[in-house]
C-alpha atoms as a PDB file:
ATOM      1  CA  MET A   1      -4.425  -9.491  -8.952  1.00  0.00           C
ATOM      2  CA  THR A   2      -7.023 -11.841 -10.394  1.00  0.00           C
ATOM      3  CA  VAL A   3     -10.436 -10.458 -11.266  1.00  0.00           C
ATOM      4  CA  THR A   4     -13.463 -12.600 -11.964  1.00  0.00           C
ATOM      5  CA  ALA A   5     -15.835 -11.628 -14.749  1.00  0.00           C
ATOM      6  CA  ILE A   6     -18.569 -10.425 -12.379  1.00  0.00           C
ATOM      7  CA  GLU A   7     -16.405  -8.727  -9.758  1.00  0.00           C
ATOM      8  CA  LYS A   8     -16.469  -4.933  -9.953  1.00  0.00           C
ATOM      9  CA  ILE A   9     -13.241  -3.042  -9.441  1.00  0.00           C
ATOM     10  CA  THR A  10     -12.134   0.586  -9.158  1.00  0.00           C
ATOM     11  CA  VAL A  11      -9.903   2.609 -11.464  1.00  0.00           C
ATOM     12  CA  PRO A  12      -6.869   2.339  -9.112  1.00  0.00           C
ATOM     13  CA  GLU A  13      -7.283  -1.454  -9.030  1.00  0.00           C
ATOM     14  CA  PHE A  14      -7.654  -1.537 -12.824  1.00  0.00           C
ATOM     15  CA  VAL A  15      -4.512   0.548 -13.336  1.00  0.00           C
ATOM     16  CA  GLU A  16      -2.533  -1.845 -11.126  1.00  0.00           C
ATOM     17  CA  LEU A  17      -3.405  -4.824 -13.311  1.00  0.00           C
ATOM     18  CA  ASP A  18      -0.436  -5.637 -15.505  1.00  0.00           C
ATOM     19  CA  ASP A  19      -1.388  -8.935 -17.092  1.00  0.00           C
ATOM     20  CA  PHE A  20      -3.039  -7.503 -20.226  1.00  0.00           C
ATOM     21  CA  GLU A  21      -0.388  -8.751 -22.642  1.00  0.00           C
ATOM     22  CA  ASP A  22      -2.715 -10.605 -24.991  1.00  0.00           C
ATOM     23  CA  GLY A  23      -3.006  -8.176 -27.916  1.00  0.00           C
ATOM     24  CA  PHE A  24      -6.314  -6.727 -26.770  1.00  0.00           C
ATOM     25  CA  PHE A  25      -7.235  -3.329 -25.334  1.00  0.00           C
ATOM     26  CA  TYR A  26      -9.110  -2.970 -22.069  1.00  0.00           C
ATOM     27  CA  GLU A  27     -11.330  -0.313 -20.548  1.00  0.00           C
ATOM     28  CA  LEU A  28     -13.242  -0.078 -17.282  1.00  0.00           C
ATOM     29  CA  LEU A  29     -16.964   0.644 -17.691  1.00  0.00           C
ATOM     30  CA  ASN A  30     -19.115   0.868 -14.594  1.00  0.00           C
ATOM     31  CA  GLY A  31     -16.524  -1.110 -12.640  1.00  0.00           C
ATOM     32  CA  GLU A  32     -16.376  -3.949 -15.168  1.00  0.00           C
ATOM     33  CA  ILE A  33     -13.415  -4.756 -17.408  1.00  0.00           C
ATOM     34  CA  VAL A  34     -14.312  -4.575 -21.105  1.00  0.00           C
ATOM     35  CA  LYS A  35     -12.054  -6.297 -23.640  1.00  0.00           C
ATOM     36  CA  ARG A  36     -11.708  -4.874 -27.154  1.00  0.00           C
ATOM     37  CA  SER A  37      -9.845  -6.253 -30.141  1.00  0.00           C
ATOM     38  CA  SER A  38      -7.607  -4.230 -32.428  1.00  0.00           C
ATOM     39  CA  PRO A  39      -9.459  -1.898 -34.802  1.00  0.00           C
ATOM     40  CA  SER A  40      -9.985  -2.639 -38.508  1.00  0.00           C
ATOM     41  CA  THR A  41      -8.234  -0.907 -41.392  1.00  0.00           C
ATOM     42  CA  ASP A  42     -11.364   1.167 -42.176  1.00  0.00           C
ATOM     43  CA  HIS A  43     -11.605   2.167 -38.506  1.00  0.00           C
ATOM     44  CA  GLN A  44      -7.970   3.248 -38.380  1.00  0.00           C
ATOM     45  CA  SER A  45      -8.198   5.139 -41.671  1.00  0.00           C
ATOM     46  CA  ALA A  46     -11.254   7.078 -40.454  1.00  0.00           C
ATOM     47  CA  SER A  47      -9.535   7.740 -37.123  1.00  0.00           C
ATOM     48  CA  PHE A  48      -6.386   9.042 -38.801  1.00  0.00           C
ATOM     49  CA  ASN A  49      -8.294  11.279 -41.237  1.00  0.00           C
ATOM     50  CA  LEU A  50     -10.568  12.739 -38.562  1.00  0.00           C
ATOM     51  CA  SER A  51      -7.642  13.215 -36.174  1.00  0.00           C
ATOM     52  CA  LEU A  52      -5.872  15.300 -38.802  1.00  0.00           C
ATOM     53  CA  ILE A  53      -8.980  17.374 -39.503  1.00  0.00           C
ATOM     54  CA  LEU A  54      -9.778  18.033 -35.827  1.00  0.00           C
ATOM     55  CA  GLY A  55      -6.150  18.403 -34.789  1.00  0.00           C
ATOM     56  CA  ASN A  56      -5.297  20.905 -37.494  1.00  0.00           C
ATOM     57  CA  PHE A  57      -8.438  22.946 -36.809  1.00  0.00           C
ATOM     58  CA  VAL A  58      -7.804  23.022 -33.044  1.00  0.00           C
ATOM     59  CA  LYS A  59      -4.111  23.806 -33.445  1.00  0.00           C
ATOM     60  CA  GLU A  60      -4.639  26.553 -36.035  1.00  0.00           C
ATOM     61  CA  LYS A  61      -7.230  28.306 -33.874  1.00  0.00           C
ATOM     62  CA  LYS A  62      -5.375  27.584 -30.586  1.00  0.00           C
ATOM     63  CA  LEU A  63      -8.535  26.085 -29.050  1.00  0.00           C
ATOM     64  CA  GLY A  64      -7.012  23.371 -26.840  1.00  0.00           C
ATOM     65  CA  ARG A  65      -5.688  19.866 -27.356  1.00  0.00           C
ATOM     66  CA  CYS A  66      -6.723  16.717 -29.216  1.00  0.00           C
ATOM     67  CA  PHE A  67      -5.720  13.187 -28.235  1.00  0.00           C
ATOM     68  CA  THR A  68      -6.119   9.807 -29.905  1.00  0.00           C
ATOM     69  CA  ALA A  69      -6.405   6.280 -28.534  1.00  0.00           C
ATOM     70  CA  PRO A  70      -4.851   4.740 -26.670  1.00  0.00           C
ATOM     71  CA  PHE A  71      -5.156   7.571 -24.146  1.00  0.00           C
ATOM     72  CA  ASP A  72      -7.016   7.163 -20.865  1.00  0.00           C
ATOM     73  CA  VAL A  73      -9.967   9.261 -19.777  1.00  0.00           C
ATOM     74  CA  VAL A  74     -10.897   8.779 -16.125  1.00  0.00           C
ATOM     75  CA  PHE A  75     -14.442   9.859 -15.326  1.00  0.00           C
ATOM     76  CA  ASP A  76     -14.807   8.477 -11.811  1.00  0.00           C
ATOM     77  CA  GLU A  77     -13.811   5.541  -9.606  1.00  0.00           C
ATOM     78  CA  GLU A  78     -15.486   3.001 -11.918  1.00  0.00           C
ATOM     79  CA  ASN A  79     -14.875   4.376 -15.409  1.00  0.00           C
ATOM     80  CA  LEU A  80     -11.635   4.582 -17.365  1.00  0.00           C
ATOM     81  CA  VAL A  81     -12.049   4.522 -21.146  1.00  0.00           C
ATOM     82  CA  GLN A  82      -9.976   5.176 -24.247  1.00  0.00           C
ATOM     83  CA  PRO A  83     -12.078   7.086 -26.785  1.00  0.00           C
ATOM     84  CA  ASP A  84     -10.822   6.991 -30.361  1.00  0.00           C
ATOM     85  CA  ILE A  85     -10.424  10.788 -30.443  1.00  0.00           C
ATOM     86  CA  LEU A  86     -11.048  13.486 -27.856  1.00  0.00           C
ATOM     87  CA  PHE A  87     -10.748  17.244 -27.502  1.00  0.00           C
ATOM     88  CA  VAL A  88     -10.161  19.290 -24.353  1.00  0.00           C
ATOM     89  CA  SER A  89     -10.597  23.042 -24.661  1.00  0.00           C
ATOM     90  CA  ALA A  90      -7.884  25.454 -23.539  1.00  0.00           C
ATOM     91  CA  ALA A  91     -10.297  26.770 -20.889  1.00  0.00           C
ATOM     92  CA  ARG A  92     -10.426  23.287 -19.334  1.00  0.00           C
ATOM     93  CA  ALA A  93      -6.740  22.351 -19.774  1.00  0.00           C
ATOM     94  CA  GLY A  94      -6.507  21.582 -16.047  1.00  0.00           C
ATOM     95  CA  ILE A  95      -8.169  18.187 -16.545  1.00  0.00           C
ATOM     96  CA  VAL A  96      -5.204  17.025 -18.656  1.00  0.00           C
ATOM     97  CA  THR A  97      -2.524  15.325 -16.549  1.00  0.00           C
ATOM     98  CA  ASP A  98       0.767  13.680 -17.506  1.00  0.00           C
ATOM     99  CA  ASN A  99      -0.962  10.312 -17.952  1.00  0.00           C
ATOM    100  CA  CYS A 100      -4.608  10.914 -18.770  1.00  0.00           C
ATOM    101  CA  VAL A 101      -7.597  13.210 -18.826  1.00  0.00           C
ATOM    102  CA  GLU A 102      -9.390  13.349 -15.479  1.00  0.00           C
ATOM    103  CA  GLY A 103     -12.950  14.425 -16.139  1.00  0.00           C
ATOM    104  CA  ALA A 104     -15.194  15.015 -19.117  1.00  0.00           C
ATOM    105  CA  PRO A 105     -13.530  16.153 -22.360  1.00  0.00           C
ATOM    106  CA  ASP A 106     -15.374  18.758 -24.415  1.00  0.00           C
ATOM    107  CA  LEU A 107     -15.767  16.388 -27.363  1.00  0.00           C
ATOM    108  CA  ILE A 108     -15.407  12.611 -27.741  1.00  0.00           C
ATOM    109  CA  VAL A 109     -15.387  10.602 -30.971  1.00  0.00           C
ATOM    110  CA  GLU A 110     -15.999   6.856 -31.078  1.00  0.00           C
ATOM    111  CA  ILE A 111     -15.533   4.955 -34.331  1.00  0.00           C
ATOM    112  CA  LEU A 112     -17.711   1.865 -34.467  1.00  0.00           C
ATOM    113  CA  SER A 113     -16.341  -1.632 -34.984  1.00  0.00           C
ATOM    114  CA  PRO A 114     -18.393  -4.843 -34.972  1.00  0.00           C
ATOM    115  CA  GLY A 115     -17.096  -5.588 -31.468  1.00  0.00           C
ATOM    116  CA  THR A 116     -17.734  -2.093 -30.052  1.00  0.00           C
ATOM    117  CA  PHE A 117     -21.058  -1.195 -31.702  1.00  0.00           C
ATOM    118  CA  LYS A 118     -23.247  -1.919 -28.665  1.00  0.00           C
ATOM    119  CA  THR A 119     -20.792  -0.484 -26.127  1.00  0.00           C
ATOM    120  CA  ASP A 120     -20.238   2.762 -28.068  1.00  0.00           C
ATOM    121  CA  ARG A 121     -23.946   3.343 -28.771  1.00  0.00           C
ATOM    122  CA  ASN A 122     -25.228   2.349 -25.349  1.00  0.00           C
ATOM    123  CA  ASP A 123     -22.841   2.029 -22.398  1.00  0.00           C
ATOM    124  CA  LYS A 124     -20.352   4.688 -23.437  1.00  0.00           C
ATOM    125  CA  MET A 125     -23.050   7.070 -24.659  1.00  0.00           C
ATOM    126  CA  LYS A 126     -24.755   6.815 -21.252  1.00  0.00           C
ATOM    127  CA  LEU A 127     -21.430   7.339 -19.466  1.00  0.00           C
ATOM    128  CA  TYR A 128     -20.572  10.378 -21.573  1.00  0.00           C
ATOM    129  CA  ARG A 129     -24.055  11.852 -21.103  1.00  0.00           C
ATOM    130  CA  ARG A 130     -24.008  11.238 -17.344  1.00  0.00           C
ATOM    131  CA  SER A 131     -20.497  12.723 -17.093  1.00  0.00           C
ATOM    132  CA  GLY A 132     -21.438  15.874 -18.999  1.00  0.00           C
ATOM    133  CA  VAL A 133     -19.449  15.484 -22.251  1.00  0.00           C
ATOM    134  CA  PRO A 134     -20.908  18.366 -24.308  1.00  0.00           C
ATOM    135  CA  GLU A 135     -20.502  16.744 -27.729  1.00  0.00           C
ATOM    136  CA  TYR A 136     -20.303  13.070 -28.777  1.00  0.00           C
ATOM    137  CA  TRP A 137     -19.569  11.903 -32.316  1.00  0.00           C
ATOM    138  CA  ILE A 138     -20.265   8.390 -33.570  1.00  0.00           C
ATOM    139  CA  ILE A 139     -18.546   7.399 -36.802  1.00  0.00           C
ATOM    140  CA  ASP A 140     -19.602   4.219 -38.618  1.00  0.00           C
ATOM    141  CA  PRO A 141     -17.155   3.109 -41.343  1.00  0.00           C
ATOM    142  CA  LYS A 142     -19.489   0.308 -42.470  1.00  0.00           C
ATOM    143  CA  SER A 143     -22.451   2.585 -43.252  1.00  0.00           C
ATOM    144  CA  ARG A 144     -20.196   5.628 -43.891  1.00  0.00           C
ATOM    145  CA  THR A 145     -22.098   7.827 -41.448  1.00  0.00           C
ATOM    146  CA  LEU A 146     -21.128  10.690 -39.170  1.00  0.00           C
ATOM    147  CA  GLU A 147     -23.395  11.522 -36.227  1.00  0.00           C
ATOM    148  CA  VAL A 148     -22.938  14.502 -33.912  1.00  0.00           C
ATOM    149  CA  TYR A 149     -24.822  14.462 -30.609  1.00  0.00           C
ATOM    150  CA  VAL A 150     -25.031  17.567 -28.438  1.00  0.00           C
ATOM    151  CA  LEU A 151     -25.816  17.461 -24.727  1.00  0.00           C
ATOM    152  CA  GLN A 152     -28.916  19.542 -23.967  1.00  0.00           C
ATOM    153  CA  ASP A 153     -30.839  19.400 -20.698  1.00  0.00           C
ATOM    154  CA  GLY A 154     -29.017  16.217 -19.674  1.00  0.00           C
ATOM    155  CA  GLU A 155     -29.813  14.319 -22.893  1.00  0.00           C
ATOM    156  CA  TYR A 156     -27.995  13.794 -26.179  1.00  0.00           C
ATOM    157  CA  ASN A 157     -29.797  15.181 -29.200  1.00  0.00           C
ATOM    158  CA  LEU A 158     -28.710  14.439 -32.761  1.00  0.00           C
ATOM    159  CA  ALA A 159     -27.512  17.830 -33.970  1.00  0.00           C
ATOM    160  CA  SER A 160     -25.835  16.892 -37.246  1.00  0.00           C
ATOM    161  CA  PHE A 161     -25.867  13.778 -39.450  1.00  0.00           C
ATOM    162  CA  ALA A 162     -24.393  12.775 -42.809  1.00  0.00           C
ATOM    163  CA  VAL A 163     -24.296   9.516 -44.749  1.00  0.00           C
ATOM    164  CA  GLU A 164     -22.154   8.678 -47.819  1.00  0.00           C
ATOM    165  CA  THR A 165     -21.883  12.370 -48.752  1.00  0.00           C
ATOM    166  CA  GLY A 166     -22.597  15.574 -46.916  1.00  0.00           C
ATOM    167  CA  ASP A 167     -21.158  17.387 -43.929  1.00  0.00           C
ATOM    168  CA  VAL A 168     -21.521  17.588 -40.173  1.00  0.00           C
ATOM    169  CA  ASN A 169     -20.877  20.590 -37.964  1.00  0.00           C
ATOM    170  CA  SER A 170     -19.628  20.924 -34.412  1.00  0.00           C
ATOM    171  CA  THR A 171     -21.140  23.142 -31.745  1.00  0.00           C
ATOM    172  CA  VAL A 172     -18.131  22.731 -29.436  1.00  0.00           C
ATOM    173  CA  LEU A 173     -15.789  23.775 -32.273  1.00  0.00           C
ATOM    174  CA  PRO A 174     -17.710  26.561 -34.056  1.00  0.00           C
ATOM    175  CA  GLY A 175     -16.723  26.870 -37.691  1.00  0.00           C
ATOM    176  CA  LEU A 176     -15.652  23.222 -37.990  1.00  0.00           C
ATOM    177  CA  THR A 177     -17.362  21.394 -40.832  1.00  0.00           C
ATOM    178  CA  VAL A 178     -16.361  17.825 -41.642  1.00  0.00           C
ATOM    179  CA  SER A 179     -17.406  15.975 -44.790  1.00  0.00           C
ATOM    180  CA  VAL A 180     -18.054  12.251 -44.970  1.00  0.00           C
ATOM    181  CA  GLN A 181     -15.677  12.046 -47.916  1.00  0.00           C
ATOM    182  CA  GLN A 182     -12.833  13.630 -45.893  1.00  0.00           C
ATOM    183  CA  VAL A 183     -13.234  11.018 -43.169  1.00  0.00           C
ATOM    184  CA  PHE A 184     -13.625   7.946 -45.370  1.00  0.00           C
ATOM    185  CA  THR A 185     -11.101   8.712 -48.119  1.00  0.00           C
ATOM    186  CA  ALA A 186      -8.309   6.140 -48.053  1.00  0.00           C
ATOM    187  CA  GLY A 187      -4.668   7.168 -48.124  1.00  0.00           C
END
């Protein structure tokens, strides 16, 4: 199947495409294919560190499941994305299938890269808000910031923020505190 740049497609059509063997990652946002390049070393280090922190916390407290990219989240017929990290609570385990998450996870983390900055802060944030994701984290390795947005009355409000040093807290995972240094420490 050949898709032109302006043609909108559905998730089933996107899944059927098999010619993405060019070293890039692809997502479907609002029916449009979005191409992403491989993440940087700083991005991957932050992703690994935060995955360990969230994963260990969730596992220890038996709260649900965490997943890391590449792992599909299907929101609707026009949106299939691969957040860097996501959490689905045990109470909502039914949205986890053998191949993906179908519906809004309880928490999504996106780690900014130069090529994803605009998409993560705008398009994806709007999608996550519209889809009812209760908590959205944006991590910026370049500025060494952690931002936690909480969905309230249909809008995301900045609930916790830290830069260079300091901690952020989760409302979806009560008792979880994450320090900037934990996320951005190499090795």
